[in-house]
Protein backbone atom coordinates (compact mmCIF):
# COMPACT_ATOMS: atom_id res chain seq x y z
CA MET A 1 -107.75 113.28 -75.92
CA SER A 2 -104.38 113.21 -77.97
CA VAL A 3 -101.22 112.13 -76.07
CA PRO A 4 -97.78 111.87 -77.49
CA ALA A 5 -96.15 108.64 -78.30
CA GLY A 6 -94.30 106.77 -75.55
CA GLU A 7 -97.49 106.38 -73.38
CA ILE A 8 -99.51 103.45 -71.85
CA VAL A 9 -102.82 104.09 -71.10
CA VAL A 10 -104.23 101.64 -68.49
CA VAL A 11 -107.73 101.54 -68.69
CA GLY A 12 -110.16 99.83 -65.98
CA LEU A 13 -112.79 97.71 -67.14
CA GLY A 14 -114.72 97.69 -64.08
CA PRO A 15 -116.03 94.73 -61.93
CA ALA A 16 -118.80 93.18 -64.03
CA GLY A 17 -120.42 93.84 -67.32
CA ALA A 18 -120.21 96.76 -70.00
CA GLY A 19 -122.68 98.77 -68.32
CA LEU A 20 -120.48 99.58 -65.80
CA LEU A 21 -117.32 100.55 -67.87
CA THR A 22 -116.75 104.35 -67.54
CA ARG A 23 -116.96 106.78 -70.25
CA ASP A 24 -113.70 107.60 -70.35
CA ALA A 25 -112.69 103.97 -70.54
CA ALA A 26 -114.93 103.40 -73.18
CA ALA A 27 -113.69 106.39 -75.20
CA TRP A 28 -110.06 104.86 -75.11
CA LEU A 29 -111.09 101.58 -75.83
CA ASP A 30 -112.94 102.98 -78.96
CA GLY A 31 -110.38 105.29 -79.90
CA GLY A 32 -108.65 102.87 -82.79
CA ARG A 33 -105.68 102.68 -80.90
CA PRO A 34 -103.92 99.29 -80.23
CA VAL A 35 -105.24 97.56 -77.23
CA TRP A 36 -103.84 94.96 -74.83
CA LEU A 37 -105.88 93.06 -72.42
CA ARG A 38 -104.69 91.47 -69.34
CA THR A 39 -107.24 88.68 -69.84
CA ARG A 40 -110.05 88.04 -72.02
CA VAL A 41 -112.04 86.35 -69.24
CA HIS A 42 -114.14 89.52 -68.06
CA PRO A 43 -117.72 89.68 -68.92
CA THR A 44 -117.08 93.54 -70.25
CA VAL A 45 -114.66 92.08 -72.91
CA ASP A 46 -117.24 90.21 -75.03
CA ALA A 47 -119.52 93.25 -75.31
CA LEU A 48 -116.82 95.51 -76.64
CA PRO A 49 -116.65 96.06 -80.45
CA GLY A 50 -113.51 95.42 -81.72
CA ALA A 51 -112.64 93.04 -78.77
CA ALA A 52 -111.87 90.13 -80.76
CA GLY A 53 -108.91 92.03 -82.71
CA TRP A 54 -107.39 92.87 -79.53
CA ALA A 55 -104.16 91.31 -78.14
CA SER A 56 -104.32 89.49 -74.88
CA PHE A 57 -101.84 87.86 -72.40
CA ASP A 58 -103.54 84.73 -71.56
CA GLU A 59 -101.67 82.20 -73.42
CA LEU A 60 -98.65 83.80 -70.55
CA TYR A 61 -101.09 82.49 -68.13
CA GLU A 62 -101.58 79.13 -69.22
CA ARG A 63 -97.96 78.14 -69.27
CA ALA A 64 -96.50 80.49 -66.59
CA ASP A 65 -94.57 78.74 -63.73
CA ASN A 66 -94.92 81.36 -61.30
CA PHE A 67 -96.75 84.90 -60.96
CA ASP A 68 -93.57 86.98 -60.81
CA ALA A 69 -92.04 85.85 -63.89
CA LEU A 70 -95.54 86.18 -65.79
CA TYR A 71 -95.84 89.75 -64.39
CA ASP A 72 -92.38 90.75 -65.44
CA GLU A 73 -93.39 89.28 -68.97
CA ILE A 74 -96.23 91.38 -69.32
CA VAL A 75 -94.42 94.46 -68.44
CA ALA A 76 -91.75 93.78 -70.66
CA ARG A 77 -94.14 93.15 -73.56
CA LEU A 78 -95.90 96.29 -72.89
CA LEU A 79 -92.99 98.44 -73.04
CA ALA A 80 -91.85 96.52 -76.15
CA ALA A 81 -94.97 97.41 -77.65
CA VAL A 82 -95.10 101.05 -76.97
CA ASP A 83 -91.53 101.41 -78.53
CA GLY A 84 -92.79 100.33 -81.73
CA ALA A 85 -96.40 102.02 -81.77
CA ASP A 86 -97.04 105.19 -83.80
CA GLY A 87 -98.60 106.59 -80.59
CA PRO A 88 -100.03 105.71 -77.21
CA ILE A 89 -101.23 102.00 -76.55
CA VAL A 90 -104.17 101.03 -74.40
CA TYR A 91 -103.67 98.40 -71.76
CA ALA A 92 -107.03 97.49 -70.47
CA VAL A 93 -107.41 95.30 -66.66
CA PRO A 94 -110.05 94.16 -64.70
CA GLY A 95 -111.75 96.30 -62.15
CA HIS A 96 -109.44 99.71 -61.06
CA PRO A 97 -105.71 99.67 -62.71
CA LEU A 98 -104.42 100.59 -58.97
CA VAL A 99 -106.77 98.07 -56.75
CA GLY A 100 -105.04 94.50 -57.08
CA GLU A 101 -103.21 95.02 -60.27
CA GLU A 102 -99.67 93.70 -59.84
CA THR A 103 -99.04 94.33 -63.54
CA VAL A 104 -99.79 98.01 -63.37
CA ALA A 105 -97.68 98.44 -60.32
CA ARG A 106 -94.72 97.11 -61.93
CA LEU A 107 -95.51 98.75 -65.22
CA ARG A 108 -95.48 102.29 -63.25
CA ALA A 109 -91.86 101.11 -61.55
CA ALA A 110 -90.45 100.44 -64.92
CA ALA A 111 -91.50 102.81 -67.37
CA PRO A 112 -89.45 106.13 -66.43
CA ALA A 113 -86.63 104.39 -66.91
CA ARG A 114 -87.74 103.50 -70.56
CA GLY A 115 -89.12 107.32 -70.80
CA VAL A 116 -92.49 106.19 -71.23
CA ARG A 117 -95.36 107.63 -69.22
CA VAL A 118 -98.20 105.76 -68.03
CA ARG A 119 -101.73 107.38 -67.60
CA ILE A 120 -104.32 105.74 -65.25
CA VAL A 121 -107.89 105.64 -66.25
CA PRO A 122 -109.99 104.38 -63.37
CA GLY A 123 -112.73 101.87 -63.19
CA LEU A 124 -115.17 100.93 -60.70
CA ILE A 125 -114.01 98.25 -58.10
CA PHE A 126 -115.75 94.95 -56.54
CA VAL A 127 -116.61 97.03 -53.91
CA ASP A 128 -119.00 99.13 -55.87
CA ILE A 129 -120.58 95.47 -56.69
CA LEU A 130 -120.44 94.43 -52.87
CA ALA A 131 -122.40 97.42 -51.48
CA VAL A 132 -125.36 96.22 -53.81
CA ALA A 133 -125.01 92.62 -53.46
CA LEU A 134 -124.61 92.34 -49.60
CA PRO A 135 -126.09 94.39 -46.67
CA ILE A 136 -122.93 96.21 -45.90
CA ASP A 137 -121.93 100.02 -45.88
CA PRO A 138 -118.08 99.51 -46.36
CA LEU A 139 -117.79 103.22 -44.65
CA LYS A 140 -120.02 102.75 -41.80
CA ASP A 141 -119.22 99.09 -41.06
CA ASN A 142 -115.16 99.80 -41.25
CA LEU A 143 -115.09 97.16 -44.08
CA GLN A 144 -111.42 95.64 -44.32
CA LEU A 145 -110.11 94.78 -47.76
CA VAL A 146 -107.75 92.00 -48.02
CA ASP A 147 -106.20 90.46 -50.81
CA GLY A 148 -106.51 86.57 -50.83
CA LEU A 149 -103.15 86.31 -52.59
CA GLU A 150 -101.61 87.84 -49.67
CA LEU A 151 -103.28 85.51 -47.17
CA ALA A 152 -101.96 82.65 -48.93
CA ALA A 153 -98.41 83.88 -49.19
CA ALA A 154 -98.74 84.76 -45.18
CA LEU A 155 -99.36 81.08 -44.94
CA GLU A 156 -96.48 80.03 -47.07
CA ARG A 157 -94.18 82.15 -45.13
CA GLU A 158 -95.46 81.41 -41.54
CA PRO A 159 -97.13 78.10 -41.69
CA PHE A 160 -97.29 77.73 -37.89
CA ALA A 161 -97.46 81.54 -36.71
CA GLY A 162 -100.39 82.64 -34.88
CA GLY A 163 -101.75 86.19 -34.51
CA THR A 164 -99.61 87.38 -37.45
CA VAL A 165 -102.24 88.07 -39.92
CA PRO A 166 -103.26 91.65 -40.53
CA LEU A 167 -106.57 91.53 -40.23
CA SER A 168 -109.12 92.15 -37.49
CA PRO A 169 -112.13 89.35 -36.37
CA LEU A 170 -114.30 92.42 -34.61
CA ARG A 171 -114.72 94.01 -38.18
CA PRO A 172 -116.38 92.67 -41.54
CA ALA A 173 -113.54 91.70 -44.19
CA LEU A 174 -114.02 91.54 -47.78
CA ILE A 175 -111.26 89.27 -49.48
CA GLY A 176 -110.70 89.27 -53.06
CA GLN A 177 -108.79 87.08 -55.59
CA VAL A 178 -109.85 83.76 -54.02
CA TYR A 179 -110.52 82.25 -57.32
CA ASP A 180 -108.95 79.01 -57.39
CA PRO A 181 -109.13 76.09 -54.69
CA ARG A 182 -105.40 76.40 -53.62
CA VAL A 183 -106.03 80.17 -52.81
CA ALA A 184 -109.38 78.99 -51.23
CA SER A 185 -107.65 76.44 -48.83
CA ALA A 186 -104.83 78.92 -47.95
CA THR A 187 -107.22 81.87 -46.78
CA LYS A 188 -109.32 79.40 -44.64
CA LEU A 189 -106.35 78.24 -43.39
CA VAL A 190 -105.24 81.64 -42.33
CA LEU A 191 -108.91 82.56 -41.24
CA MET A 192 -109.08 79.71 -38.97
CA ARG A 193 -106.40 81.21 -36.67
CA LEU A 194 -108.80 84.20 -36.13
CA TYR A 195 -112.28 82.53 -36.44
CA PRO A 196 -113.89 79.40 -35.53
CA ALA A 197 -114.33 76.75 -37.77
CA ASP A 198 -118.14 77.49 -38.21
CA HIS A 199 -117.97 81.18 -38.36
CA PRO A 200 -120.08 81.95 -41.45
CA VAL A 201 -118.68 83.03 -44.37
CA THR A 202 -120.48 84.53 -47.21
CA LEU A 203 -119.36 83.72 -50.79
CA LEU A 204 -120.05 86.08 -53.64
CA ARG A 205 -119.26 84.74 -57.43
CA ALA A 206 -119.57 86.82 -60.47
CA GLY A 207 -120.85 89.71 -58.36
CA GLY A 208 -122.76 92.46 -60.67
CA VAL A 209 -123.03 90.34 -63.94
CA GLU A 210 -126.52 89.63 -64.55
CA GLY A 211 -127.50 86.21 -64.62
CA ALA A 212 -124.43 84.74 -63.15
CA GLU A 213 -124.14 86.42 -59.39
CA ALA A 214 -124.56 84.21 -56.91
CA ALA A 215 -124.38 84.46 -53.14
CA ARG A 216 -124.10 81.54 -50.61
CA THR A 217 -123.14 81.58 -46.49
CA VAL A 218 -121.42 78.67 -45.27
CA PRO A 219 -119.50 77.84 -42.12
CA LEU A 220 -115.70 78.76 -42.77
CA HIS A 221 -114.33 75.19 -42.74
CA GLU A 222 -116.16 74.80 -45.69
CA LEU A 223 -114.80 77.77 -47.59
CA ASP A 224 -112.73 75.60 -49.95
CA HIS A 225 -115.40 73.18 -50.60
CA GLY A 226 -116.57 74.70 -53.95
CA ASP A 227 -116.85 73.12 -57.74
CA GLY A 228 -113.32 73.18 -58.54
CA ASP A 229 -112.87 76.51 -60.01
CA GLY A 230 -112.75 78.37 -56.72
CA PRO A 231 -115.60 79.83 -54.33
CA ASP A 232 -115.98 83.21 -56.03
């Protein structure tokens, strides 16, 4: 598994606990290389030997004014870290590196100009958990995957628009990254352009995490009536 210097290996941690970590991902994390975590707030991290000594970007999230600046700062720090490293470094992110991971997209765009190669080590994604937790066959049922952050952004761009959301009410939809009350509220308002207020919505929290997974169904108008930490 030797690689030249000037390489960032982006590892997917999977959607839940360490039992869903792939062998390839575990090998890179256990290889004695410098590891950067996008966040420690993930059920896999606590179960990994050596994780306490890994760097993370959580402090950037705590003081960031906006996500654009945050993502650019993470990319800049990773590129600076690999410049001074004696060999490759590992960047570990929740889920799959190429699914809903904006920092990875920006890293892949910026790395070539710095002569840095980016290797992707796949991880399971939240759809794998959904297929077990809910009675849905993602392929057979033509499931739509939607980013809650994109729905929130659409509401801000077009607060009075109707029918412009790229979402069909005729097919089931899985909306990810609904992680706080602001995103939940924006998601609700966008969905209410397409569905009646009492349309049933299933909220899945901590999917795949033993002892923490919880699912409940509420009317759409109660989507943002959570406990203050977001509905999922």
